[in-house]
Amino acid sequence: LIAEDDPINVKVATHMLRAFQCEVVSDGLQVIEAVQEHAFDLILMDCNMPLCDGFTATSRIRALEAEGVVKRRHVIIALSANVGKEFQHRCREAGMDDSISKPVRKDELLERIFSHVRRE
C-alpha cells in the first residue's frame, strides 16, 4: 500500500514498484480504512498528508492491531524529506518499522522493502 498525497510522488513510486501489485491512498484516514479491509505486505507511509498525517495513521494502525481489529501486523516504512534525529524518533514513537528519505532511490527502496518482507 502506498500512502502518498503528491501525484508526482505517487507516479514515481508506482513506476519504481511496477513489478508489484500496489494500491494507492492519499491520506492517513484512507490508510486506516484500507488496513481494516485488507492485509498488506507493506505500507509506504508519507508522513505529511492531509486529514491525518502518517505518524497519527501509524499510531492508530498499531492500536487497531493491538486490539485485534486488524489481525496482521503491517510493516510500515515512513517516506519523508526530513531525515533528522527528531524525525527518526517520531517514526519510532509512532510505531514505524523504518524510514526512507525523499527523493527515493529505487535500489534503496527495493532493498528496504525486501529486508522487511523477508522477515515476515
N, C-alpha and C. Protein backbone atom coordinates (compact mmCIF):
# COMPACT_ATOMS: atom_id res chain seq x y z
N LEU A 1 0.85 -1.17 0.00
CA LEU A 1 0.00 0.00 0.00
C LEU A 1 0.90 1.23 0.00
N ILE A 2 0.63 2.15 -0.90
CA ILE A 2 1.37 3.41 -0.95
C ILE A 2 0.44 4.50 -0.45
N ALA A 3 0.85 5.17 0.62
CA ALA A 3 0.08 6.28 1.19
C ALA A 3 0.83 7.56 0.87
N GLU A 4 0.36 8.27 -0.12
CA GLU A 4 1.06 9.47 -0.62
C GLU A 4 0.05 10.40 -1.26
N ASP A 5 0.12 11.68 -0.92
CA ASP A 5 -0.85 12.64 -1.46
C ASP A 5 -0.34 13.43 -2.65
N ASP A 6 0.94 13.42 -2.90
CA ASP A 6 1.50 14.18 -4.02
C ASP A 6 1.46 13.33 -5.29
N PRO A 7 0.74 13.79 -6.33
CA PRO A 7 0.60 12.99 -7.55
C PRO A 7 1.92 12.62 -8.23
N ILE A 8 2.90 13.50 -8.17
CA ILE A 8 4.19 13.19 -8.79
C ILE A 8 4.90 12.09 -8.01
N ASN A 9 4.87 12.17 -6.68
CA ASN A 9 5.48 11.12 -5.85
C ASN A 9 4.77 9.78 -6.05
N VAL A 10 3.45 9.82 -6.22
CA VAL A 10 2.69 8.59 -6.49
C VAL A 10 3.16 7.98 -7.80
N LYS A 11 3.29 8.82 -8.83
CA LYS A 11 3.71 8.32 -10.13
C LYS A 11 5.11 7.71 -10.06
N VAL A 12 6.02 8.37 -9.35
CA VAL A 12 7.39 7.85 -9.20
C VAL A 12 7.38 6.52 -8.45
N ALA A 13 6.67 6.46 -7.34
CA ALA A 13 6.65 5.24 -6.52
C ALA A 13 6.01 4.08 -7.28
N THR A 14 4.89 4.32 -7.93
CA THR A 14 4.23 3.22 -8.65
C THR A 14 5.08 2.75 -9.83
N HIS A 15 5.81 3.67 -10.44
CA HIS A 15 6.72 3.27 -11.52
C HIS A 15 7.85 2.39 -10.97
N MET A 16 8.44 2.80 -9.85
CA MET A 16 9.52 2.02 -9.25
C MET A 16 9.03 0.63 -8.83
N LEU A 17 7.78 0.55 -8.44
CA LEU A 17 7.23 -0.70 -7.91
C LEU A 17 6.28 -1.38 -8.90
N ARG A 18 6.45 -1.10 -10.17
CA ARG A 18 5.53 -1.62 -11.18
C ARG A 18 5.51 -3.15 -11.24
N ALA A 19 6.53 -3.81 -10.74
CA ALA A 19 6.54 -5.28 -10.72
C ALA A 19 5.67 -5.84 -9.60
N PHE A 20 5.18 -4.97 -8.73
CA PHE A 20 4.37 -5.39 -7.59
C PHE A 20 2.94 -4.88 -7.75
N GLN A 21 2.05 -5.54 -7.07
CA GLN A 21 0.66 -5.09 -7.05
C GLN A 21 0.53 -4.07 -5.92
N CYS A 22 0.24 -2.82 -6.27
CA CYS A 22 0.17 -1.75 -5.27
C CYS A 22 -1.18 -1.05 -5.31
N GLU A 23 -1.69 -0.76 -4.14
CA GLU A 23 -2.83 0.12 -4.02
C GLU A 23 -2.30 1.47 -3.57
N VAL A 24 -3.01 2.54 -3.90
CA VAL A 24 -2.59 3.89 -3.52
C VAL A 24 -3.74 4.59 -2.81
N VAL A 25 -3.42 5.23 -1.70
CA VAL A 25 -4.36 6.09 -0.99
C VAL A 25 -3.68 7.44 -0.78
N SER A 26 -4.47 8.47 -0.53
CA SER A 26 -3.88 9.81 -0.48
C SER A 26 -3.95 10.51 0.86
N ASP A 27 -4.46 9.84 1.89
CA ASP A 27 -4.41 10.44 3.23
C ASP A 27 -4.44 9.36 4.29
N GLY A 28 -4.10 9.75 5.51
CA GLY A 28 -3.99 8.80 6.61
C GLY A 28 -5.28 8.10 6.96
N LEU A 29 -6.40 8.79 6.83
CA LEU A 29 -7.69 8.16 7.13
C LEU A 29 -7.97 7.01 6.16
N GLN A 30 -7.59 7.20 4.90
CA GLN A 30 -7.77 6.13 3.91
C GLN A 30 -6.86 4.94 4.22
N VAL A 31 -5.67 5.19 4.76
CA VAL A 31 -4.77 4.10 5.15
C VAL A 31 -5.42 3.27 6.25
N ILE A 32 -5.93 3.95 7.27
CA ILE A 32 -6.55 3.27 8.41
C ILE A 32 -7.74 2.42 7.93
N GLU A 33 -8.52 2.97 7.04
CA GLU A 33 -9.66 2.23 6.47
C GLU A 33 -9.18 1.03 5.67
N ALA A 34 -8.15 1.22 4.86
CA ALA A 34 -7.65 0.15 3.99
C ALA A 34 -7.13 -1.05 4.78
N VAL A 35 -6.40 -0.81 5.87
CA VAL A 35 -5.85 -1.94 6.64
C VAL A 35 -6.93 -2.72 7.38
N GLN A 36 -8.08 -2.09 7.57
CA GLN A 36 -9.19 -2.81 8.20
C GLN A 36 -9.92 -3.69 7.20
N GLU A 37 -9.71 -3.41 5.92
CA GLU A 37 -10.37 -4.19 4.87
C GLU A 37 -9.46 -5.23 4.23
N HIS A 38 -8.14 -4.97 4.19
CA HIS A 38 -7.19 -5.86 3.52
C HIS A 38 -5.90 -5.96 4.33
N ALA A 39 -5.22 -7.07 4.19
CA ALA A 39 -3.88 -7.21 4.76
C ALA A 39 -2.88 -6.87 3.66
N PHE A 40 -1.91 -6.04 3.99
CA PHE A 40 -0.89 -5.64 3.02
C PHE A 40 0.47 -6.17 3.48
N ASP A 41 1.31 -6.49 2.53
CA ASP A 41 2.66 -6.94 2.86
C ASP A 41 3.46 -5.81 3.50
N LEU A 42 3.18 -4.59 3.05
CA LEU A 42 3.98 -3.45 3.50
C LEU A 42 3.23 -2.15 3.18
N ILE A 43 3.44 -1.15 4.02
CA ILE A 43 2.86 0.17 3.77
C ILE A 43 3.99 1.18 3.65
N LEU A 44 4.02 1.90 2.54
CA LEU A 44 4.92 3.04 2.39
C LEU A 44 4.11 4.27 2.78
N MET A 45 4.50 4.91 3.88
CA MET A 45 3.67 5.94 4.50
C MET A 45 4.33 7.32 4.42
N ASP A 46 3.73 8.19 3.61
CA ASP A 46 4.16 9.59 3.62
C ASP A 46 3.81 10.15 4.99
N CYS A 47 4.67 10.96 5.54
CA CYS A 47 4.43 11.49 6.88
C CYS A 47 3.58 12.76 6.88
N ASN A 48 3.56 13.48 5.78
CA ASN A 48 2.83 14.74 5.71
C ASN A 48 1.70 14.64 4.71
N MET A 49 0.56 14.14 5.17
CA MET A 49 -0.62 14.01 4.33
C MET A 49 -1.77 14.80 4.95
N PRO A 50 -2.75 15.15 4.14
CA PRO A 50 -3.90 15.88 4.68
C PRO A 50 -4.80 14.98 5.53
N LEU A 51 -5.63 15.59 6.31
CA LEU A 51 -6.64 14.95 7.16
C LEU A 51 -6.05 14.17 8.32
N CYS A 52 -5.05 13.37 8.06
CA CYS A 52 -4.43 12.55 9.10
C CYS A 52 -3.02 12.23 8.62
N ASP A 53 -2.01 12.73 9.35
CA ASP A 53 -0.64 12.52 8.89
C ASP A 53 -0.19 11.07 9.10
N GLY A 54 0.96 10.75 8.56
CA GLY A 54 1.47 9.39 8.64
C GLY A 54 1.79 8.92 10.04
N PHE A 55 2.22 9.83 10.91
CA PHE A 55 2.51 9.46 12.30
C PHE A 55 1.23 9.05 13.02
N THR A 56 0.20 9.87 12.87
CA THR A 56 -1.08 9.59 13.51
C THR A 56 -1.70 8.31 12.95
N ALA A 57 -1.65 8.17 11.63
CA ALA A 57 -2.20 6.97 11.00
C ALA A 57 -1.49 5.71 11.50
N THR A 58 -0.17 5.77 11.61
CA THR A 58 0.60 4.63 12.10
C THR A 58 0.22 4.30 13.53
N SER A 59 0.13 5.30 14.38
CA SER A 59 -0.26 5.07 15.78
C SER A 59 -1.63 4.42 15.87
N ARG A 60 -2.55 4.87 15.05
CA ARG A 60 -3.91 4.30 15.07
C ARG A 60 -3.91 2.87 14.53
N ILE A 61 -3.10 2.61 13.51
CA ILE A 61 -2.99 1.24 12.99
C ILE A 61 -2.42 0.32 14.05
N ARG A 62 -1.37 0.76 14.74
CA ARG A 62 -0.78 -0.08 15.80
C ARG A 62 -1.80 -0.34 16.91
N ALA A 63 -2.62 0.65 17.25
CA ALA A 63 -3.67 0.44 18.26
C ALA A 63 -4.69 -0.58 17.78
N LEU A 64 -5.10 -0.49 16.52
CA LEU A 64 -6.05 -1.45 15.96
C LEU A 64 -5.46 -2.86 15.93
N GLU A 65 -4.18 -2.96 15.66
CA GLU A 65 -3.51 -4.26 15.67
C GLU A 65 -3.49 -4.83 17.09
N ALA A 66 -3.18 -3.98 18.07
CA ALA A 66 -3.13 -4.41 19.47
C ALA A 66 -4.51 -4.86 19.97
N GLU A 67 -5.55 -4.19 19.49
CA GLU A 67 -6.92 -4.53 19.90
C GLU A 67 -7.46 -5.75 19.16
N GLY A 68 -6.76 -6.20 18.14
CA GLY A 68 -7.22 -7.34 17.36
C GLY A 68 -8.20 -6.98 16.26
N VAL A 69 -8.46 -5.69 16.08
CA VAL A 69 -9.36 -5.25 15.00
C VAL A 69 -8.69 -5.51 13.66
N VAL A 70 -7.41 -5.21 13.58
CA VAL A 70 -6.58 -5.53 12.41
C VAL A 70 -5.78 -6.77 12.81
N LYS A 71 -5.97 -7.85 12.10
CA LYS A 71 -5.43 -9.16 12.51
C LYS A 71 -3.93 -9.32 12.27
N ARG A 72 -3.39 -8.60 11.33
CA ARG A 72 -1.99 -8.79 10.95
C ARG A 72 -1.18 -7.54 11.25
N ARG A 73 0.03 -7.72 11.76
CA ARG A 73 0.90 -6.57 11.98
C ARG A 73 1.49 -6.17 10.64
N HIS A 74 1.31 -4.92 10.27
CA HIS A 74 1.80 -4.41 8.99
C HIS A 74 3.18 -3.77 9.15
N VAL A 75 4.05 -4.04 8.22
CA VAL A 75 5.32 -3.34 8.15
C VAL A 75 5.03 -1.95 7.59
N ILE A 76 5.48 -0.91 8.30
CA ILE A 76 5.25 0.46 7.86
C ILE A 76 6.59 1.17 7.71
N ILE A 77 6.83 1.67 6.52
CA ILE A 77 8.06 2.41 6.22
C ILE A 77 7.68 3.85 5.92
N ALA A 78 8.26 4.77 6.68
CA ALA A 78 7.99 6.19 6.51
C ALA A 78 8.71 6.72 5.28
N LEU A 79 8.05 7.65 4.58
CA LEU A 79 8.65 8.37 3.47
C LEU A 79 8.62 9.85 3.81
N SER A 80 9.78 10.50 3.80
CA SER A 80 9.81 11.92 4.12
C SER A 80 11.10 12.54 3.63
N ALA A 81 11.03 13.84 3.36
CA ALA A 81 12.24 14.59 3.01
C ALA A 81 13.03 14.92 4.27
N ASN A 82 12.41 14.79 5.42
CA ASN A 82 13.04 15.09 6.70
C ASN A 82 13.76 13.85 7.19
N VAL A 83 15.04 13.97 7.51
CA VAL A 83 15.80 12.79 7.93
C VAL A 83 16.54 13.00 9.25
N GLY A 84 16.20 14.04 9.99
CA GLY A 84 16.91 14.34 11.23
C GLY A 84 16.60 13.36 12.35
N LYS A 85 17.33 13.51 13.46
CA LYS A 85 17.15 12.61 14.61
C LYS A 85 15.76 12.74 15.23
N GLU A 86 15.23 13.96 15.26
CA GLU A 86 13.89 14.15 15.81
C GLU A 86 12.85 13.41 14.97
N PHE A 87 13.03 13.46 13.65
CA PHE A 87 12.13 12.74 12.76
C PHE A 87 12.21 11.24 13.01
N GLN A 88 13.42 10.71 13.12
CA GLN A 88 13.61 9.28 13.39
C GLN A 88 12.94 8.88 14.70
N HIS A 89 13.05 9.74 15.70
CA HIS A 89 12.42 9.48 16.99
C HIS A 89 10.89 9.44 16.84
N ARG A 90 10.34 10.40 16.10
CA ARG A 90 8.89 10.43 15.88
C ARG A 90 8.43 9.17 15.15
N CYS A 91 9.22 8.71 14.19
CA CYS A 91 8.87 7.48 13.47
C CYS A 91 8.80 6.29 14.42
N ARG A 92 9.82 6.12 15.23
CA ARG A 92 9.86 5.00 16.20
C ARG A 92 8.71 5.12 17.20
N GLU A 93 8.49 6.33 17.68
CA GLU A 93 7.43 6.57 18.66
C GLU A 93 6.05 6.22 18.10
N ALA A 94 5.83 6.51 16.83
CA ALA A 94 4.55 6.22 16.19
C ALA A 94 4.38 4.72 15.91
N GLY A 95 5.50 3.98 15.85
CA GLY A 95 5.44 2.55 15.59
C GLY A 95 5.87 2.15 14.19
N MET A 96 6.53 3.07 13.49
CA MET A 96 7.01 2.74 12.14
C MET A 96 8.23 1.82 12.25
N ASP A 97 8.38 0.97 11.26
CA ASP A 97 9.47 0.00 11.26
C ASP A 97 10.76 0.53 10.66
N ASP A 98 10.64 1.52 9.79
CA ASP A 98 11.81 2.02 9.07
C ASP A 98 11.42 3.34 8.43
N SER A 99 12.40 4.00 7.83
CA SER A 99 12.13 5.23 7.10
C SER A 99 13.09 5.35 5.92
N ILE A 100 12.60 6.03 4.90
CA ILE A 100 13.40 6.30 3.70
C ILE A 100 13.22 7.77 3.38
N SER A 101 14.33 8.42 3.08
CA SER A 101 14.26 9.85 2.76
C SER A 101 13.93 10.06 1.29
N LYS A 102 13.17 11.11 1.05
CA LYS A 102 12.87 11.54 -0.31
C LYS A 102 13.94 12.51 -0.76
N PRO A 103 14.30 12.55 -2.00
CA PRO A 103 13.79 11.70 -3.07
C PRO A 103 14.27 10.26 -2.91
N VAL A 104 13.39 9.35 -3.19
CA VAL A 104 13.65 7.92 -3.01
C VAL A 104 14.41 7.38 -4.21
N ARG A 105 15.44 6.59 -3.92
CA ARG A 105 16.17 5.88 -4.98
C ARG A 105 15.62 4.46 -5.07
N LYS A 106 15.43 3.99 -6.27
CA LYS A 106 14.82 2.68 -6.49
C LYS A 106 15.59 1.56 -5.79
N ASP A 107 16.92 1.57 -5.90
CA ASP A 107 17.71 0.50 -5.29
C ASP A 107 17.52 0.48 -3.77
N GLU A 108 17.52 1.64 -3.15
CA GLU A 108 17.34 1.71 -1.70
C GLU A 108 15.92 1.27 -1.31
N LEU A 109 14.93 1.72 -2.06
CA LEU A 109 13.55 1.36 -1.79
C LEU A 109 13.36 -0.16 -1.85
N LEU A 110 13.83 -0.77 -2.91
CA LEU A 110 13.68 -2.22 -3.06
C LEU A 110 14.44 -2.98 -1.98
N GLU A 111 15.63 -2.50 -1.66
CA GLU A 111 16.43 -3.14 -0.61
C GLU A 111 15.68 -3.12 0.72
N ARG A 112 15.12 -1.98 1.08
CA ARG A 112 14.38 -1.86 2.34
C ARG A 112 13.12 -2.72 2.33
N ILE A 113 12.41 -2.69 1.24
CA ILE A 113 11.19 -3.49 1.14
C ILE A 113 11.52 -4.97 1.33
N PHE A 114 12.50 -5.48 0.59
CA PHE A 114 12.85 -6.89 0.68
C PHE A 114 13.40 -7.26 2.06
N SER A 115 14.11 -6.35 2.70
CA SER A 115 14.64 -6.67 4.03
C SER A 115 13.52 -6.87 5.04
N HIS A 116 12.43 -6.14 4.89
CA HIS A 116 11.32 -6.29 5.82
C HIS A 116 10.37 -7.41 5.44
N VAL A 117 10.11 -7.57 4.17
CA VAL A 117 9.17 -8.59 3.73
C VAL A 117 9.75 -9.98 3.97
N ARG A 118 11.04 -10.14 3.84
CA ARG A 118 11.67 -11.44 4.08
C ARG A 118 11.53 -11.87 5.54
N ARG A 119 11.47 -10.90 6.45
CA ARG A 119 11.36 -11.21 7.88
C ARG A 119 9.97 -11.73 8.24
N GLU A 120 9.00 -11.34 7.47
CA GLU A 120 7.59 -11.65 7.80
C GLU A 120 7.28 -13.12 7.60
